[in-house]
Amino acid sequence: MKFVLASSSPRRLALLSQIGRTPDVVAHADVDETPHKAEQPRQLADRLALAKAEAVAALHKDSVILAADTVVACGRRVLPKAETESEARDCLALLSGRRHRVHGGIVVIARGKIWQRHVETIVRFKRLTAAEVDAYIATDEWRGKAGGYAIQGHAAAFVAAINGSYTNVVGLCAYTADKLIAAALSQP
């Protein structure tokens, strides 16, 4: 069976390769990521991961499909995947000196069965100075990142504490993904 990653995220691909689960195919899942009214961050991550997996599974029969979604939330507020400097600055201002949660929805589909898990990581940022925010914005690594930061880059210096999976914050809990893939491959 082919192993298909239902994501165009280079971070997810790198994490899978790091644990020896390099996909045979990388397929972008084109789904609307707009949150539903009153949808909680956890529900959003899980719903989007399932939608991505199902969309790609429909095109890749007889394959093991892995999809994931990452949602950064401060309380019930879902932070965007920052595309503009203004969005990134707003995210960093909100996260400065506070704890936030990173919700990871992970889904594997194989042989008509679905394995789904949710991973939650709590991250605490130090209080950021204007100079630190300006320097981080200048790196441009925030672009397209949930919550406006990449923990695996310069923003690592902002993290005062983390409780849970580091790789979940990067974009995919490698431990959980590996377990779900193994479960799918062990099924007759």
Protein backbone atom coordinates (compact mmCIF):
# COMPACT_ATOMS: atom_id res chain seq x y z
CA MET A 1 0.00 0.00 0.00
CA LYS A 2 1.17 3.52 -0.76
CA PHE A 3 1.54 6.00 2.05
CA VAL A 4 0.04 9.39 1.19
CA LEU A 5 0.52 12.59 3.18
CA ALA A 6 -2.57 14.76 2.75
CA SER A 7 -0.69 18.00 3.33
CA SER A 8 1.63 20.31 1.45
CA SER A 9 3.36 21.35 4.70
CA PRO A 10 7.13 20.94 4.43
CA ARG A 11 7.28 20.70 8.23
CA ARG A 12 4.97 17.67 8.33
CA LEU A 13 6.93 16.01 5.55
CA ALA A 14 10.21 16.62 7.40
CA LEU A 15 8.81 15.28 10.69
CA LEU A 16 7.56 12.11 9.00
CA SER A 17 10.88 11.61 7.24
CA GLN A 18 12.67 12.13 10.55
CA ILE A 19 10.83 9.14 12.05
CA GLY A 20 11.28 6.95 8.97
CA ARG A 21 7.75 7.38 7.62
CA THR A 22 8.51 9.17 4.35
CA PRO A 23 5.35 9.27 2.23
CA ASP A 24 5.23 7.84 -1.28
CA VAL A 25 2.95 10.69 -2.34
CA VAL A 26 2.33 14.20 -1.02
CA ALA A 27 -1.13 15.46 -1.96
CA HIS A 28 -2.59 18.85 -1.12
CA ALA A 29 -6.06 18.62 0.40
CA ASP A 30 -8.12 21.55 -0.80
CA VAL A 31 -10.64 22.14 2.00
CA ASP A 32 -12.24 25.29 3.36
CA GLU A 33 -10.53 25.99 6.69
CA THR A 34 -13.01 28.62 7.86
CA PRO A 35 -14.17 27.88 11.42
CA HIS A 36 -17.86 27.19 11.85
CA LYS A 37 -19.85 29.52 14.08
CA ALA A 38 -19.17 28.74 17.78
CA GLU A 39 -16.73 25.96 16.82
CA GLN A 40 -14.13 25.33 19.52
CA PRO A 41 -10.43 25.19 18.54
CA ARG A 42 -10.20 21.48 19.37
CA GLN A 43 -13.23 20.68 17.21
CA LEU A 44 -11.83 22.77 14.36
CA ALA A 45 -8.49 20.93 14.31
CA ASP A 46 -10.20 17.54 14.38
CA ARG A 47 -12.79 18.45 11.74
CA LEU A 48 -10.21 19.85 9.33
CA ALA A 49 -7.87 16.87 9.72
CA LEU A 50 -10.74 14.50 8.91
CA ALA A 51 -11.93 16.60 5.95
CA LYS A 52 -8.40 16.66 4.50
CA ALA A 53 -7.97 12.91 4.95
CA GLU A 54 -11.33 12.14 3.35
CA ALA A 55 -10.69 14.47 0.40
CA VAL A 56 -7.36 12.84 -0.40
CA ALA A 57 -8.59 9.29 0.33
CA ALA A 58 -11.25 9.73 -2.36
CA LEU A 59 -8.45 10.24 -4.91
CA HIS A 60 -6.00 7.64 -3.58
CA LYS A 61 -7.81 4.33 -3.12
CA ASP A 62 -5.92 1.43 -1.54
CA SER A 63 -3.53 3.78 0.23
CA VAL A 64 -2.75 4.77 3.79
CA ILE A 65 -3.70 8.44 4.09
CA LEU A 66 -2.39 10.68 6.86
CA ALA A 67 -3.80 14.17 7.39
CA ALA A 68 -3.32 16.69 10.15
CA ASP A 69 -4.35 20.17 11.13
CA THR A 70 -2.84 22.53 13.67
CA VAL A 71 -4.83 25.23 15.45
CA VAL A 72 -3.24 27.75 17.80
CA ALA A 73 -5.69 29.15 20.33
CA CYS A 74 -5.67 31.66 23.14
CA GLY A 75 -8.68 30.66 25.18
CA ARG A 76 -11.47 30.07 22.66
CA ARG A 77 -9.93 32.46 20.15
CA VAL A 78 -8.44 30.75 17.10
CA LEU A 79 -5.36 32.55 15.84
CA PRO A 80 -4.90 32.79 12.07
CA LYS A 81 -2.17 31.42 9.88
CA ALA A 82 -0.49 34.79 9.62
CA GLU A 83 -0.19 36.01 6.04
CA THR A 84 0.45 39.69 6.71
CA GLU A 85 2.84 41.49 9.03
CA SER A 86 -0.16 43.01 10.79
CA GLU A 87 -1.66 39.56 11.48
CA ALA A 88 1.68 38.28 12.80
CA ARG A 89 2.10 41.30 15.07
CA ASP A 90 -1.45 40.87 16.41
CA CYS A 91 -0.78 37.20 17.16
CA LEU A 92 2.50 37.92 18.91
CA ALA A 93 0.92 40.72 20.96
CA LEU A 94 -1.82 38.34 22.10
CA LEU A 95 0.64 35.53 22.93
CA SER A 96 3.19 37.74 24.72
CA GLY A 97 3.52 36.78 28.38
CA ARG A 98 0.66 34.27 28.15
CA ARG A 99 -0.07 30.59 27.83
CA HIS A 100 -1.77 29.28 24.74
CA ARG A 101 -2.79 25.89 23.40
CA VAL A 102 -1.77 24.20 20.19
CA HIS A 103 -4.40 21.71 19.02
CA GLY A 104 -3.34 19.00 16.61
CA GLY A 105 -5.91 16.88 14.84
CA ILE A 106 -4.46 13.73 13.24
CA VAL A 107 -6.32 11.26 11.02
CA VAL A 108 -5.25 8.10 9.23
CA ILE A 109 -7.54 6.40 6.73
CA ALA A 110 -6.77 2.94 5.35
CA ARG A 111 -8.85 0.03 4.08
CA GLY A 112 -12.08 1.90 4.81
CA LYS A 113 -11.20 2.46 8.47
CA ILE A 114 -10.48 5.74 10.23
CA TRP A 115 -8.06 6.31 13.11
CA GLN A 116 -8.32 9.75 14.69
CA ARG A 117 -6.52 11.38 17.62
CA HIS A 118 -6.21 14.81 19.15
CA VAL A 119 -3.01 16.17 20.67
CA GLU A 120 -2.90 19.29 22.82
CA THR A 121 0.24 21.16 23.81
CA ILE A 122 0.38 24.11 26.19
CA VAL A 123 2.99 26.73 25.36
CA ARG A 124 3.93 29.72 27.54
CA PHE A 125 5.59 32.71 25.91
CA LYS A 126 7.77 35.17 27.76
CA ARG A 127 6.72 38.81 27.63
CA LEU A 128 7.96 40.10 24.29
CA THR A 129 9.58 43.48 23.82
CA ALA A 130 8.87 45.65 20.80
CA ALA A 131 12.45 45.06 19.63
CA GLU A 132 12.00 41.26 19.84
CA VAL A 133 8.78 41.44 17.84
CA ASP A 134 10.39 43.69 15.22
CA ALA A 135 13.38 41.35 14.89
CA TYR A 136 11.12 38.31 14.57
CA ILE A 137 8.92 39.95 11.96
CA ALA A 138 12.08 40.72 9.95
CA THR A 139 12.85 36.97 9.74
CA ASP A 140 9.67 36.37 7.73
CA GLU A 141 9.47 32.83 9.16
CA TRP A 142 6.05 33.66 10.68
CA ARG A 143 4.42 33.78 7.25
CA GLY A 144 1.76 31.08 6.87
CA LYS A 145 2.29 29.76 10.39
CA ALA A 146 -0.61 29.18 12.76
CA GLY A 147 -0.40 31.76 15.53
CA GLY A 148 2.18 33.76 13.60
CA TYR A 149 5.25 31.90 14.83
CA ALA A 150 7.46 28.89 14.12
CA ILE A 151 8.72 27.26 17.32
CA GLN A 152 11.45 25.46 15.37
CA GLY A 153 12.95 28.80 14.33
CA HIS A 154 13.80 32.07 16.00
CA ALA A 155 10.59 31.98 18.06
CA ALA A 156 12.11 29.19 20.15
CA ALA A 157 13.62 32.00 22.22
CA PHE A 158 10.10 33.16 23.13
CA VAL A 159 9.06 29.85 24.71
CA ALA A 160 9.37 29.97 28.49
CA ALA A 161 7.70 26.57 28.96
CA ILE A 162 6.02 23.81 27.03
CA ASN A 163 3.77 21.05 28.31
CA GLY A 164 3.15 18.32 25.80
CA SER A 165 4.45 17.41 22.37
CA TYR A 166 7.01 19.75 20.83
CA THR A 167 6.47 18.23 17.37
CA ASN A 168 2.75 18.98 17.68
CA VAL A 169 3.64 22.68 17.85
CA VAL A 170 5.87 22.27 14.78
CA GLY A 171 2.90 20.83 12.89
CA LEU A 172 2.45 17.12 13.62
CA CYS A 173 2.84 15.03 16.76
CA ALA A 174 5.36 12.53 15.41
CA TYR A 175 4.68 10.02 18.20
CA THR A 176 0.93 9.92 17.60
CA ALA A 177 1.28 9.90 13.81
CA ASP A 178 3.68 6.95 14.00
CA LYS A 179 1.29 5.00 16.24
CA LEU A 180 -1.69 5.63 13.96
CA ILE A 181 0.23 4.66 10.83
CA ALA A 182 1.44 1.47 12.54
CA ALA A 183 -2.12 0.64 13.58
CA ALA A 184 -3.38 1.13 10.04
CA LEU A 185 -0.61 -0.99 8.52
CA SER A 186 -1.22 -3.83 10.98
CA GLN A 187 -4.85 -4.23 9.92
CA PRO A 188 -5.61 -7.05 7.48
